[in-house]
Amino acid sequence: MRVVAYSIKSFEKEPLAIANHKKHDITLISNSLSAATVSYAEGKEAVIVFSEDQVSAAVINSLADLGVKFIATRSTATTHIDQDAAAERNIKIANVPAVSLMGMSEQGMPMALANETILNLDKWQQNRCLGSACVCSRACDQVTPKNEEP
């Protein structure tokens, strides 16, 4: 998957590279996502943002116009993303489930956030449900596993 990651800090580069294992073509930039920087998403299927990025309806519309289908946030918070605008433009959103960070030390946090973010990209690429990381409208034909009889 072709991806651009916004608001990347220097200490996040290595964990993202390790978690990615060269599966996705990820461009890392330090700029935050905004109307002025949305053009970096041209030709990308997904964007990775952080809670400091203000992903407004205008930004979402620009992302959709560029062909972006997925927004993954490297945080548990999603209030910085206009979810209604994303639903209208059929852009799926994922966050890092809070349960995946429970008991995590501050030093281990960058790797945990990177692992969960890459896992979301992997599942989208495999057309799989994201489960608790899914923030979208749940319109994704979630299938409940059938109980198999012994």
C-alpha atoms as a PDB file:
ATOM      1  CA  MET A   1       0.000   0.000   0.000  1.00  0.00           C
ATOM      2  CA  ARG A   2       1.252   3.500  -0.831  1.00  0.00           C
ATOM      3  CA  VAL A   3       1.076   5.688   2.274  1.00  0.00           C
ATOM      4  CA  VAL A   4       2.183   9.099   3.524  1.00  0.00           C
ATOM      5  CA  ALA A   5       2.688   9.597   7.266  1.00  0.00           C
ATOM      6  CA  TYR A   6       2.289  13.157   8.523  1.00  0.00           C
ATOM      7  CA  SER A   7       3.673  14.775  11.701  1.00  0.00           C
ATOM      8  CA  ILE A   8       6.474  12.243  12.079  1.00  0.00           C
ATOM      9  CA  LYS A   9       8.914  12.944  14.885  1.00  0.00           C
ATOM     10  CA  SER A  10      12.498  11.675  14.663  1.00  0.00           C
ATOM     11  CA  PHE A  11      11.916   9.080  17.409  1.00  0.00           C
ATOM     12  CA  GLU A  12       9.026   7.558  15.408  1.00  0.00           C
ATOM     13  CA  LYS A  13      10.974   6.798  12.228  1.00  0.00           C
ATOM     14  CA  GLU A  14      12.752   3.656  13.409  1.00  0.00           C
ATOM     15  CA  PRO A  15       9.697   2.045  15.087  1.00  0.00           C
ATOM     16  CA  LEU A  16       7.609   2.612  11.939  1.00  0.00           C
ATOM     17  CA  ALA A  17      10.321   1.126   9.737  1.00  0.00           C
ATOM     18  CA  ILE A  18      10.682  -1.910  12.014  1.00  0.00           C
ATOM     19  CA  ALA A  19       6.923  -2.467  12.265  1.00  0.00           C
ATOM     20  CA  ASN A  20       6.477  -2.038   8.518  1.00  0.00           C
ATOM     21  CA  HIS A  21       9.043  -4.705   7.471  1.00  0.00           C
ATOM     22  CA  LYS A  22       9.094  -3.059   3.999  1.00  0.00           C
ATOM     23  CA  LYS A  23       5.502  -4.200   3.357  1.00  0.00           C
ATOM     24  CA  HIS A  24       4.100  -0.762   2.594  1.00  0.00           C
ATOM     25  CA  ASP A  25       5.636   2.098   0.632  1.00  0.00           C
ATOM     26  CA  ILE A  26       5.529   4.757   3.361  1.00  0.00           C
ATOM     27  CA  THR A  27       6.695   8.330   2.895  1.00  0.00           C
ATOM     28  CA  LEU A  28       7.511   9.949   6.242  1.00  0.00           C
ATOM     29  CA  ILE A  29       7.183  13.724   6.550  1.00  0.00           C
ATOM     30  CA  SER A  30       7.425  15.991   9.564  1.00  0.00           C
ATOM     31  CA  ASN A  31       4.761  18.424   8.325  1.00  0.00           C
ATOM     32  CA  SER A  32       1.314  18.164   9.842  1.00  0.00           C
ATOM     33  CA  LEU A  33      -1.631  17.399   7.588  1.00  0.00           C
ATOM     34  CA  SER A  34      -3.408  20.560   6.482  1.00  0.00           C
ATOM     35  CA  ALA A  35      -4.896  22.125   3.378  1.00  0.00           C
ATOM     36  CA  ALA A  36      -1.381  23.315   2.519  1.00  0.00           C
ATOM     37  CA  THR A  37       0.223  19.848   2.821  1.00  0.00           C
ATOM     38  CA  VAL A  38      -2.558  17.596   1.562  1.00  0.00           C
ATOM     39  CA  SER A  39      -0.847  17.436  -1.843  1.00  0.00           C
ATOM     40  CA  TYR A  40       1.780  15.081  -0.356  1.00  0.00           C
ATOM     41  CA  ALA A  41      -0.969  12.441  -0.390  1.00  0.00           C
ATOM     42  CA  GLU A  42      -1.215  12.474  -4.189  1.00  0.00           C
ATOM     43  CA  GLY A  43      -0.901   8.924  -5.499  1.00  0.00           C
ATOM     44  CA  LYS A  44      -1.313   7.437  -2.009  1.00  0.00           C
ATOM     45  CA  GLU A  45      -4.024   5.038  -0.833  1.00  0.00           C
ATOM     46  CA  ALA A  46      -3.718   5.940   2.823  1.00  0.00           C
ATOM     47  CA  VAL A  47      -2.510   8.646   5.163  1.00  0.00           C
ATOM     48  CA  ILE A  48      -1.198   8.234   8.682  1.00  0.00           C
ATOM     49  CA  VAL A  49      -1.883  11.141  11.026  1.00  0.00           C
ATOM     50  CA  PHE A  50      -1.453  11.987  14.687  1.00  0.00           C
ATOM     51  CA  SER A  51      -3.805  13.617  17.166  1.00  0.00           C
ATOM     52  CA  GLU A  52      -2.262  17.037  16.469  1.00  0.00           C
ATOM     53  CA  ASP A  53      -3.322  16.925  12.804  1.00  0.00           C
ATOM     54  CA  GLN A  54      -6.655  18.661  12.228  1.00  0.00           C
ATOM     55  CA  VAL A  55      -8.330  16.508   9.605  1.00  0.00           C
ATOM     56  CA  SER A  56     -11.237  18.795   8.708  1.00  0.00           C
ATOM     57  CA  ALA A  57     -13.980  18.225   6.152  1.00  0.00           C
ATOM     58  CA  ALA A  58     -12.061  20.365   3.652  1.00  0.00           C
ATOM     59  CA  VAL A  59      -8.911  18.274   4.130  1.00  0.00           C
ATOM     60  CA  ILE A  60     -10.906  15.041   3.865  1.00  0.00           C
ATOM     61  CA  ASN A  61     -12.519  16.217   0.638  1.00  0.00           C
ATOM     62  CA  SER A  62      -9.087  17.042  -0.770  1.00  0.00           C
ATOM     63  CA  LEU A  63      -7.751  13.645   0.310  1.00  0.00           C
ATOM     64  CA  ALA A  64     -10.709  11.888  -1.332  1.00  0.00           C
ATOM     65  CA  ASP A  65     -10.197  13.894  -4.521  1.00  0.00           C
ATOM     66  CA  LEU A  66      -6.595  12.615  -4.539  1.00  0.00           C
ATOM     67  CA  GLY A  67      -7.800   9.018  -4.219  1.00  0.00           C
ATOM     68  CA  VAL A  68      -7.053   8.410  -0.537  1.00  0.00           C
ATOM     69  CA  LYS A  69      -9.284   5.673   0.876  1.00  0.00           C
ATOM     70  CA  PHE A  70      -7.904   5.228   4.395  1.00  0.00           C
ATOM     71  CA  ILE A  71      -6.888   7.389   7.366  1.00  0.00           C
ATOM     72  CA  ALA A  72      -4.951   5.716  10.179  1.00  0.00           C
ATOM     73  CA  THR A  73      -4.254   7.736  13.291  1.00  0.00           C
ATOM     74  CA  ARG A  74      -1.264   6.885  15.492  1.00  0.00           C
ATOM     75  CA  SER A  75      -3.355   7.627  18.563  1.00  0.00           C
ATOM     76  CA  THR A  76      -6.391   6.417  20.437  1.00  0.00           C
ATOM     77  CA  ALA A  77      -8.098   9.784  19.878  1.00  0.00           C
ATOM     78  CA  THR A  78     -10.159  10.448  16.769  1.00  0.00           C
ATOM     79  CA  THR A  79     -11.781  13.778  17.600  1.00  0.00           C
ATOM     80  CA  HIS A  80      -9.281  15.518  15.302  1.00  0.00           C
ATOM     81  CA  ILE A  81     -10.824  13.748  12.285  1.00  0.00           C
ATOM     82  CA  ASP A  82     -14.163  14.830  10.790  1.00  0.00           C
ATOM     83  CA  GLN A  83     -15.733  11.388  10.777  1.00  0.00           C
ATOM     84  CA  ASP A  84     -18.953  12.512   9.079  1.00  0.00           C
ATOM     85  CA  ALA A  85     -17.024  13.973   6.146  1.00  0.00           C
ATOM     86  CA  ALA A  86     -14.941  10.790   5.913  1.00  0.00           C
ATOM     87  CA  ALA A  87     -18.095   8.645   5.840  1.00  0.00           C
ATOM     88  CA  GLU A  88     -19.592  10.841   3.123  1.00  0.00           C
ATOM     89  CA  ARG A  89     -16.464  10.398   1.006  1.00  0.00           C
ATOM     90  CA  ASN A  90     -16.188   6.664   1.825  1.00  0.00           C
ATOM     91  CA  ILE A  91     -12.844   7.019   3.592  1.00  0.00           C
ATOM     92  CA  LYS A  92     -12.252   4.438   6.306  1.00  0.00           C
ATOM     93  CA  ILE A  93     -10.696   5.486   9.604  1.00  0.00           C
ATOM     94  CA  ALA A  94      -8.727   3.463  12.138  1.00  0.00           C
ATOM     95  CA  ASN A  95      -7.143   4.328  15.442  1.00  0.00           C
ATOM     96  CA  VAL A  96      -4.950   2.538  17.946  1.00  0.00           C
ATOM     97  CA  PRO A  97      -7.247   0.699  20.363  1.00  0.00           C
ATOM     98  CA  ALA A  98      -6.643   1.837  23.943  1.00  0.00           C
ATOM     99  CA  VAL A  99      -6.547  -1.769  25.115  1.00  0.00           C
ATOM    100  CA  SER A 100      -3.423  -2.375  23.005  1.00  0.00           C
ATOM    101  CA  LEU A 101      -1.552   0.281  25.013  1.00  0.00           C
ATOM    102  CA  MET A 102      -2.541  -0.849  28.498  1.00  0.00           C
ATOM    103  CA  GLY A 103       0.463  -1.319  30.744  1.00  0.00           C
ATOM    104  CA  MET A 104       2.805   0.089  28.098  1.00  0.00           C
ATOM    105  CA  SER A 105       5.831   2.005  29.325  1.00  0.00           C
ATOM    106  CA  GLU A 106       6.544   5.464  27.911  1.00  0.00           C
ATOM    107  CA  GLN A 107       9.656   4.094  26.211  1.00  0.00           C
ATOM    108  CA  GLY A 108       7.664   1.309  24.529  1.00  0.00           C
ATOM    109  CA  MET A 109       4.890   3.618  23.332  1.00  0.00           C
ATOM    110  CA  PRO A 110       6.388   4.597  19.924  1.00  0.00           C
ATOM    111  CA  MET A 111       6.840   0.930  18.961  1.00  0.00           C
ATOM    112  CA  ALA A 112       3.366  -0.023  20.175  1.00  0.00           C
ATOM    113  CA  LEU A 113       1.771   2.832  18.209  1.00  0.00           C
ATOM    114  CA  ALA A 114       3.775   1.879  15.119  1.00  0.00           C
ATOM    115  CA  ASN A 115       2.840  -1.805  15.388  1.00  0.00           C
ATOM    116  CA  GLU A 116      -0.871  -1.062  15.700  1.00  0.00           C
ATOM    117  CA  THR A 117      -0.789   1.476  12.864  1.00  0.00           C
ATOM    118  CA  ILE A 118       0.956  -0.947  10.496  1.00  0.00           C
ATOM    119  CA  LEU A 119      -1.436  -3.719  11.553  1.00  0.00           C
ATOM    120  CA  ASN A 120      -4.335  -1.502  10.465  1.00  0.00           C
ATOM    121  CA  LEU A 121      -2.689  -0.916   7.065  1.00  0.00           C
ATOM    122  CA  ASP A 122      -2.091  -4.671   6.713  1.00  0.00           C
ATOM    123  CA  LYS A 123      -5.738  -5.474   7.428  1.00  0.00           C
ATOM    124  CA  TRP A 124      -6.992  -2.853   4.999  1.00  0.00           C
ATOM    125  CA  GLN A 125      -4.674  -4.199   2.317  1.00  0.00           C
ATOM    126  CA  GLN A 126      -5.993  -7.719   2.955  1.00  0.00           C
ATOM    127  CA  ASN A 127      -9.586  -6.395   2.937  1.00  0.00           C
ATOM    128  CA  ARG A 128     -10.065  -7.622   6.516  1.00  0.00           C
ATOM    129  CA  CYS A 129     -12.114  -6.102   9.311  1.00  0.00           C
ATOM    130  CA  LEU A 130     -10.116  -3.982  11.754  1.00  0.00           C
ATOM    131  CA  GLY A 131     -12.240  -4.924  14.751  1.00  0.00           C
ATOM    132  CA  SER A 132     -11.818  -2.542  17.687  1.00  0.00           C
ATOM    133  CA  ALA A 133      -9.492  -0.292  15.657  1.00  0.00           C
ATOM    134  CA  CYS A 134     -12.282   0.523  13.209  1.00  0.00           C
ATOM    135  CA  VAL A 135     -13.706   4.014  13.651  1.00  0.00           C
ATOM    136  CA  CYS A 136     -15.810   4.049  10.502  1.00  0.00           C
ATOM    137  CA  SER A 137     -19.553   3.621  10.270  1.00  0.00           C
ATOM    138  CA  ARG A 138     -19.266  -0.178  10.480  1.00  0.00           C
ATOM    139  CA  ALA A 139     -20.541  -0.437   6.906  1.00  0.00           C
ATOM    140  CA  CYS A 140     -17.850  -2.945   6.054  1.00  0.00           C
ATOM    141  CA  ASP A 141     -19.817  -6.209   5.929  1.00  0.00           C
ATOM    142  CA  GLN A 142     -18.387  -7.438   9.214  1.00  0.00           C
ATOM    143  CA  VAL A 143     -18.787 -11.170   9.412  1.00  0.00           C
ATOM    144  CA  THR A 144     -19.297 -12.860  12.734  1.00  0.00           C
ATOM    145  CA  PRO A 145     -17.453 -16.191  12.851  1.00  0.00           C
ATOM    146  CA  LYS A 146     -19.796 -19.153  12.923  1.00  0.00           C
ATOM    147  CA  ASN A 147     -19.558 -21.528  15.838  1.00  0.00           C
ATOM    148  CA  GLU A 148     -18.315 -24.786  14.474  1.00  0.00           C
ATOM    149  CA  GLU A 149     -19.742 -27.913  15.954  1.00  0.00           C
ATOM    150  CA  PRO A 150     -17.296 -30.443  17.399  1.00  0.00           C
END
